[in-house]
Amino acid sequence: MANGAIGESRALLALLERLEAEAYNFVTPTPASHARVLQRAATAADDPLRRLLGWSLPVERAALPADITRLLAAAGVLHRSGGQVRSDVRVSRLKSLLFLHSAYPTAAIDAVFLGPDSYRFADLVERELAPEFDGLAVDLGGGCGVGALVAARRAPRARLLIADINPRALALARINAAHAGIAVETLLADGLEGAPARIDLVMANPPYMANAAQTYSNGGDRHGAGLSLAWVGAALTRLVPGGRLLLYTGSAIAVGGADRLREALAEICEARGARLRYREVDPDVFGEELDTEAYADVERIAAVAAVIVAAGPGAA
């Protein structure tokens, strides 16, 4: 690792420690809600740290603690304009943990995303992971590390690997893990390429939007379900008998009510001898996307959770 990257990591780790001491708290809303809140004058009255590191707004430098400004500058994520400063990163709290991720708006192709889907994904991991689990868990497309770190808190003996195609995401995930005192390994990979051949648990919160420009949100073909289905296929080639996949994603429900993702998952599982448990977590998310051409034949986008058990003793 280059010296600059080491310095950035140390500064951001120190930033998280400083924010923890301040009892900093921010819950990230959807981009649409974020934009609406920014239109309100009341946002200006919020705490300067939340304005800067939550709402991604410019803040008067004099309103910030000097050490916070120094740490952001040392990390190379601070921008100055006159007497004001902005940050390239946000910090959100999820399940009592602090997570670094990209500032709003997350327009860059390599932006590191955290939002309401991350909170629902964390709930799925907590709900499904037994505290006594001590196998290898892979957070596939792990981003800033939400799945892995929540899994570690739930099952402290688990061995954790975060795999992602985005180097920036893995860098932030390592910092988030270090702040939480959790040991993780990271893998720069497209899907599970290069991951161990035998995995006990795969956790995945894949992108599921159609025709999105950013890597973190583009789910590919089939109304954004293409990547989810590809990851399921890849996971089933590596899961040990009875191993599990915890999948949180979105499903574009066709006009007429057909859930094509559920149908496709059922076909894959039947062909592989796997067991599928599937439920809707939220029946209607990202409704604004229904105005776009990509969703012209879709009546709603549902957030869904699937638990897939690989063929073997545990699948009975």
Protein backbone atom coordinates (compact mmCIF):
# COMPACT_ATOMS: atom_id res chain seq x y z
CA MET A 1 0.00 0.00 0.00
CA ALA A 2 1.30 3.43 -0.92
CA ASN A 3 2.28 5.78 1.89
CA GLY A 4 -0.48 8.19 0.85
CA ALA A 5 -3.11 5.47 1.24
CA ILE A 6 -1.73 4.54 4.65
CA GLY A 7 -1.93 8.16 5.75
CA GLU A 8 -5.47 8.49 4.46
CA SER A 9 -6.55 5.32 6.28
CA ARG A 10 -5.01 6.45 9.57
CA ALA A 11 -6.66 9.86 9.32
CA LEU A 12 -10.09 8.39 8.54
CA LEU A 13 -9.75 5.84 11.33
CA ALA A 14 -8.92 8.65 13.73
CA LEU A 15 -11.93 10.56 12.38
CA LEU A 16 -14.25 7.66 13.27
CA GLU A 17 -12.73 7.47 16.73
CA ARG A 18 -13.26 11.20 17.18
CA LEU A 19 -16.89 10.96 16.00
CA GLU A 20 -17.50 8.05 18.36
CA ALA A 21 -16.32 10.22 21.23
CA GLU A 22 -18.80 12.89 20.09
CA ALA A 23 -21.66 10.31 20.02
CA TYR A 24 -22.14 11.27 16.38
CA ASN A 25 -25.29 9.82 14.82
CA PHE A 26 -26.69 10.03 11.29
CA VAL A 27 -29.06 7.67 9.46
CA THR A 28 -28.81 7.89 5.68
CA PRO A 29 -32.13 8.25 3.81
CA THR A 30 -32.80 7.51 0.14
CA PRO A 31 -31.27 9.95 -2.36
CA ALA A 32 -34.77 11.27 -3.13
CA SER A 33 -35.48 11.99 0.54
CA HIS A 34 -32.01 13.47 0.96
CA ALA A 35 -32.68 15.92 -1.87
CA ARG A 36 -36.02 16.94 -0.36
CA VAL A 37 -34.50 17.56 3.07
CA LEU A 38 -31.79 19.75 1.55
CA GLN A 39 -34.50 22.05 0.20
CA ARG A 40 -35.54 22.93 3.74
CA ALA A 41 -33.99 25.93 5.42
CA ALA A 42 -34.14 24.06 8.75
CA THR A 43 -31.18 21.91 7.68
CA ALA A 44 -28.93 24.92 8.26
CA ALA A 45 -29.68 24.71 11.98
CA ASP A 46 -28.43 21.13 12.27
CA ASP A 47 -25.22 20.24 14.08
CA PRO A 48 -22.20 21.21 11.91
CA LEU A 49 -20.83 17.66 11.98
CA ARG A 50 -24.12 16.22 10.71
CA ARG A 51 -24.32 18.95 8.07
CA LEU A 52 -20.83 18.16 6.82
CA LEU A 53 -20.62 14.39 7.26
CA GLY A 54 -24.28 13.43 7.02
CA TRP A 55 -26.04 15.86 4.71
CA SER A 56 -22.88 16.55 2.64
CA LEU A 57 -23.41 20.31 2.91
CA PRO A 58 -20.77 23.03 3.06
CA VAL A 59 -19.98 24.22 6.57
CA GLU A 60 -18.16 27.25 7.88
CA ARG A 61 -14.71 26.08 8.89
CA ALA A 62 -14.90 28.09 12.10
CA ALA A 63 -17.98 26.08 13.16
CA LEU A 64 -16.06 22.78 13.15
CA PRO A 65 -13.66 21.40 15.75
CA ALA A 66 -10.15 22.08 14.47
CA ASP A 67 -9.04 18.45 14.82
CA ILE A 68 -11.94 17.24 12.63
CA THR A 69 -10.86 19.63 9.88
CA ARG A 70 -7.23 18.51 10.18
CA LEU A 71 -8.16 14.82 9.94
CA LEU A 72 -10.32 15.34 6.86
CA ALA A 73 -7.55 17.34 5.23
CA ALA A 74 -4.95 14.68 6.08
CA ALA A 75 -7.23 12.07 4.48
CA GLY A 76 -7.45 14.13 1.29
CA VAL A 77 -11.24 14.36 1.43
CA LEU A 78 -11.66 18.01 2.44
CA HIS A 79 -12.44 20.77 -0.05
CA ARG A 80 -12.16 24.46 0.83
CA SER A 81 -14.02 27.37 -0.73
CA GLY A 82 -13.52 30.66 1.01
CA GLY A 83 -14.34 30.12 4.65
CA GLN A 84 -16.37 26.98 3.97
CA VAL A 85 -15.39 23.31 3.68
CA ARG A 86 -16.99 20.20 2.17
CA SER A 87 -16.23 16.51 2.59
CA ASP A 88 -15.94 13.70 0.01
CA VAL A 89 -17.11 11.18 2.61
CA ARG A 90 -20.16 10.70 4.76
CA VAL A 91 -20.40 8.82 8.05
CA SER A 92 -23.55 6.96 9.04
CA ARG A 93 -24.47 4.85 12.04
CA LEU A 94 -26.01 1.43 11.50
CA LYS A 95 -26.62 -1.15 14.26
CA SER A 96 -24.48 0.99 16.61
CA LEU A 97 -21.56 0.86 14.13
CA LEU A 98 -20.08 3.83 12.25
CA PHE A 99 -19.54 3.49 8.49
CA LEU A 100 -17.60 5.70 6.11
CA HIS A 101 -19.12 5.95 2.63
CA SER A 102 -19.31 8.41 -0.26
CA ALA A 103 -20.73 11.91 0.05
CA TYR A 104 -24.06 12.88 -1.50
CA PRO A 105 -24.78 12.91 -4.38
CA THR A 106 -23.25 9.53 -5.17
CA ALA A 107 -22.78 10.30 -8.85
CA ALA A 108 -19.28 8.89 -9.42
CA ILE A 109 -19.06 5.50 -11.10
CA ASP A 110 -17.02 4.18 -8.16
CA ALA A 111 -19.14 5.77 -5.42
CA VAL A 112 -19.44 3.75 -2.20
CA PHE A 113 -23.09 3.59 -1.27
CA LEU A 114 -24.93 3.16 2.02
CA GLY A 115 -28.66 3.76 2.37
CA PRO A 116 -31.97 2.28 3.49
CA ASP A 117 -31.22 -0.96 1.61
CA SER A 118 -28.13 -1.34 3.81
CA TYR A 119 -30.24 -1.14 6.97
CA ARG A 120 -32.69 -3.75 5.66
CA PHE A 121 -29.80 -5.99 4.58
CA ALA A 122 -28.33 -5.72 8.08
CA ASP A 123 -31.68 -6.79 9.53
CA LEU A 124 -31.66 -9.87 7.28
CA VAL A 125 -28.16 -10.84 8.42
CA GLU A 126 -29.08 -10.44 12.09
CA ARG A 127 -32.29 -12.38 11.62
CA GLU A 128 -30.77 -15.35 9.81
CA LEU A 129 -27.27 -15.76 11.27
CA ALA A 130 -26.91 -17.99 14.31
CA PRO A 131 -24.60 -16.64 17.06
CA GLU A 132 -22.68 -19.96 17.11
CA PHE A 133 -21.76 -19.77 13.40
CA ASP A 134 -17.99 -20.16 13.05
CA GLY A 135 -17.46 -20.80 9.34
CA LEU A 136 -16.26 -18.69 6.44
CA ALA A 137 -18.69 -15.89 5.58
CA VAL A 138 -18.23 -13.89 2.39
CA ASP A 139 -19.85 -10.47 2.05
CA LEU A 140 -20.24 -10.47 -1.74
CA GLY A 141 -20.25 -7.01 -3.28
CA GLY A 142 -19.69 -5.92 0.29
CA GLY A 143 -19.18 -2.20 -0.32
CA CYS A 144 -18.22 -0.45 2.90
CA GLY A 145 -18.61 -3.66 4.89
CA VAL A 146 -22.13 -3.57 6.33
CA GLY A 147 -22.88 -7.29 5.95
CA ALA A 148 -19.54 -8.46 7.27
CA LEU A 149 -19.45 -6.19 10.30
CA VAL A 150 -23.03 -6.90 11.31
CA ALA A 151 -22.30 -10.62 10.91
CA ALA A 152 -19.24 -10.31 13.13
CA ARG A 153 -21.27 -8.67 15.88
CA ARG A 154 -23.89 -11.41 15.59
CA ALA A 155 -21.45 -14.35 15.29
CA PRO A 156 -18.08 -13.35 16.78
CA ARG A 157 -16.33 -16.59 15.74
CA ALA A 158 -17.12 -16.20 12.04
CA ARG A 159 -14.26 -15.78 9.56
CA LEU A 160 -15.01 -12.83 7.30
CA LEU A 161 -14.11 -11.96 3.72
CA ILE A 162 -15.39 -8.85 1.94
CA ALA A 163 -15.32 -9.12 -1.86
CA ASP A 164 -15.99 -6.14 -4.12
CA ILE A 165 -15.05 -4.86 -7.57
CA ASN A 166 -14.48 -1.33 -6.22
CA PRO A 167 -11.06 -0.65 -4.60
CA ARG A 168 -12.40 2.46 -2.88
CA ALA A 169 -15.17 0.45 -1.24
CA LEU A 170 -12.71 -2.09 0.12
CA ALA A 171 -10.45 0.67 1.46
CA LEU A 172 -13.35 2.19 3.40
CA ALA A 173 -14.51 -1.27 4.54
CA ARG A 174 -11.09 -1.96 6.07
CA ILE A 175 -11.21 1.33 7.97
CA ASN A 176 -14.76 0.68 9.17
CA ALA A 177 -13.72 -2.79 10.34
CA ALA A 178 -10.65 -1.49 12.11
CA HIS A 179 -12.73 1.07 13.99
CA ALA A 180 -15.18 -1.66 15.03
CA GLY A 181 -12.31 -3.89 16.20
CA ILE A 182 -13.31 -6.61 13.73
CA ALA A 183 -10.82 -8.69 11.74
CA VAL A 184 -11.71 -9.00 8.05
CA GLU A 185 -9.99 -9.95 4.84
CA THR A 186 -10.79 -8.18 1.59
CA LEU A 187 -10.75 -9.37 -2.00
CA LEU A 188 -10.79 -7.16 -5.09
CA ALA A 189 -12.85 -9.28 -7.44
CA ASP A 190 -15.70 -9.38 -9.92
CA GLY A 191 -18.20 -11.53 -8.07
CA LEU A 192 -16.62 -14.54 -6.35
CA GLU A 193 -13.69 -14.78 -8.74
CA GLY A 194 -10.63 -15.65 -6.65
CA ALA A 195 -12.66 -16.49 -3.53
CA PRO A 196 -12.13 -19.79 -1.68
CA ALA A 197 -13.64 -22.85 -3.34
CA ARG A 198 -15.61 -23.80 -0.22
CA ILE A 199 -17.68 -21.17 1.56
CA ASP A 200 -20.08 -21.71 4.44
CA LEU A 201 -22.12 -18.53 4.07
CA VAL A 202 -22.52 -15.89 1.37
CA MET A 203 -24.21 -12.59 2.20
CA ALA A 204 -25.16 -10.36 -0.72
CA ASN A 205 -26.89 -7.04 -1.25
CA PRO A 206 -26.35 -6.68 -5.01
CA PRO A 207 -27.25 -3.67 -7.13
CA TYR A 208 -30.71 -4.10 -8.61
CA MET A 209 -31.57 -1.01 -10.65
CA ALA A 210 -31.88 -1.17 -14.43
CA ASN A 211 -29.70 1.02 -16.65
CA ALA A 212 -27.94 2.76 -13.74
CA ALA A 213 -24.65 4.52 -14.48
CA GLN A 214 -23.03 3.76 -11.12
CA THR A 215 -21.52 0.36 -10.38
CA TYR A 216 -23.12 0.26 -6.92
CA SER A 217 -26.67 0.46 -8.32
CA ASN A 218 -26.56 -1.20 -11.77
CA GLY A 219 -28.15 -4.63 -11.57
CA GLY A 220 -27.84 -5.39 -15.28
CA ASP A 221 -30.48 -6.92 -17.52
CA ARG A 222 -33.87 -8.43 -16.59
CA HIS A 223 -35.02 -5.16 -15.01
CA GLY A 224 -31.93 -5.10 -12.81
CA ALA A 225 -32.15 -8.73 -11.66
CA GLY A 226 -29.33 -10.01 -13.87
CA LEU A 227 -26.55 -9.47 -11.34
CA SER A 228 -28.54 -11.00 -8.47
CA LEU A 229 -29.16 -14.15 -10.51
CA ALA A 230 -25.51 -14.35 -11.59
CA TRP A 231 -24.35 -14.08 -7.98
CA VAL A 232 -26.77 -16.79 -6.88
CA GLY A 233 -25.40 -19.11 -9.56
CA ALA A 234 -21.80 -18.35 -8.54
CA ALA A 235 -22.54 -18.83 -4.84
CA LEU A 236 -24.12 -22.23 -5.39
CA THR A 237 -20.92 -23.46 -7.05
CA ARG A 238 -18.88 -22.63 -3.91
CA LEU A 239 -21.21 -23.16 -0.97
CA VAL A 240 -20.51 -26.28 1.06
CA PRO A 241 -23.38 -28.80 1.30
CA GLY A 242 -25.97 -27.16 3.49
CA GLY A 243 -24.23 -23.79 3.17
CA ARG A 244 -26.45 -20.73 2.85
CA LEU A 245 -26.85 -17.60 0.77
CA LEU A 246 -28.53 -14.59 2.37
CA LEU A 247 -29.71 -12.40 -0.50
CA TYR A 248 -31.26 -8.97 -0.11
CA THR A 249 -32.17 -7.33 -3.40
CA GLY A 250 -34.97 -5.75 -5.42
CA SER A 251 -37.51 -7.32 -7.74
CA ALA A 252 -39.31 -5.46 -10.51
CA ILE A 253 -42.88 -6.75 -10.26
CA ALA A 254 -44.34 -6.90 -13.76
CA VAL A 255 -47.68 -5.34 -14.69
CA GLY A 256 -50.14 -8.00 -13.68
CA GLY A 257 -48.22 -8.93 -10.54
CA ALA A 258 -45.68 -11.52 -11.72
CA ASP A 259 -42.46 -11.67 -9.67
CA ARG A 260 -39.94 -12.72 -12.33
CA LEU A 261 -37.02 -12.75 -9.90
CA ARG A 262 -38.77 -15.20 -7.61
CA GLU A 263 -39.61 -17.41 -10.57
CA ALA A 264 -36.01 -17.37 -11.80
CA LEU A 265 -34.61 -18.13 -8.33
CA ALA A 266 -37.00 -21.04 -7.96
CA GLU A 267 -35.80 -22.46 -11.30
CA ILE A 268 -32.13 -22.13 -10.31
CA CYS A 269 -32.70 -23.74 -6.94
CA GLU A 270 -34.70 -26.63 -8.40
CA ALA A 271 -31.96 -27.30 -10.95
CA ARG A 272 -29.26 -27.27 -8.23
CA GLY A 273 -31.19 -29.18 -5.60
CA ALA A 274 -31.18 -26.12 -3.33
CA ARG A 275 -33.90 -24.91 -1.01
CA LEU A 276 -35.40 -21.42 -1.37
CA ARG A 277 -37.17 -19.28 1.22
CA TYR A 278 -38.35 -15.94 -0.15
CA ARG A 279 -40.29 -12.96 1.18
CA GLU A 280 -41.02 -9.33 0.39
CA VAL A 281 -39.38 -6.97 2.84
CA ASP A 282 -40.93 -3.80 1.42
CA PRO A 283 -43.51 -3.86 -1.38
CA ASP A 284 -42.65 -0.48 -2.89
CA VAL A 285 -39.19 1.12 -3.08
CA PHE A 286 -37.68 3.65 -5.51
CA GLY A 287 -41.10 4.43 -6.96
CA GLU A 288 -39.66 7.37 -8.89
CA GLU A 289 -37.97 4.86 -11.22
CA LEU A 290 -41.37 3.84 -12.58
CA ASP A 291 -41.34 7.06 -14.61
CA THR A 292 -38.37 5.80 -16.65
CA GLU A 293 -38.52 3.80 -19.87
CA ALA A 294 -36.67 0.85 -18.28
CA TYR A 295 -39.66 0.24 -15.99
CA ALA A 296 -42.49 0.93 -18.42
CA ASP A 297 -43.90 -2.59 -17.94
CA VAL A 298 -43.37 -2.68 -14.15
CA GLU A 299 -46.04 -1.85 -11.56
CA ARG A 300 -43.76 -1.64 -8.52
CA ILE A 301 -40.24 -2.43 -7.31
CA ALA A 302 -40.19 -4.61 -4.19
CA ALA A 303 -37.34 -5.10 -1.74
CA VAL A 304 -37.01 -8.84 -1.19
CA ALA A 305 -35.04 -11.28 0.94
CA ALA A 306 -34.12 -14.79 -0.13
CA VAL A 307 -32.45 -17.50 1.94
CA ILE A 308 -31.00 -20.26 -0.25
CA VAL A 309 -29.61 -23.46 1.25
CA ALA A 310 -27.21 -25.44 -0.96
CA ALA A 311 -27.92 -29.08 -1.67
CA GLY A 312 -26.77 -31.38 1.13
CA PRO A 313 -27.72 -32.27 4.69
CA GLY A 314 -28.57 -28.70 5.65
CA ALA A 315 -31.03 -28.33 2.80
CA ALA A 316 -33.45 -30.92 4.10
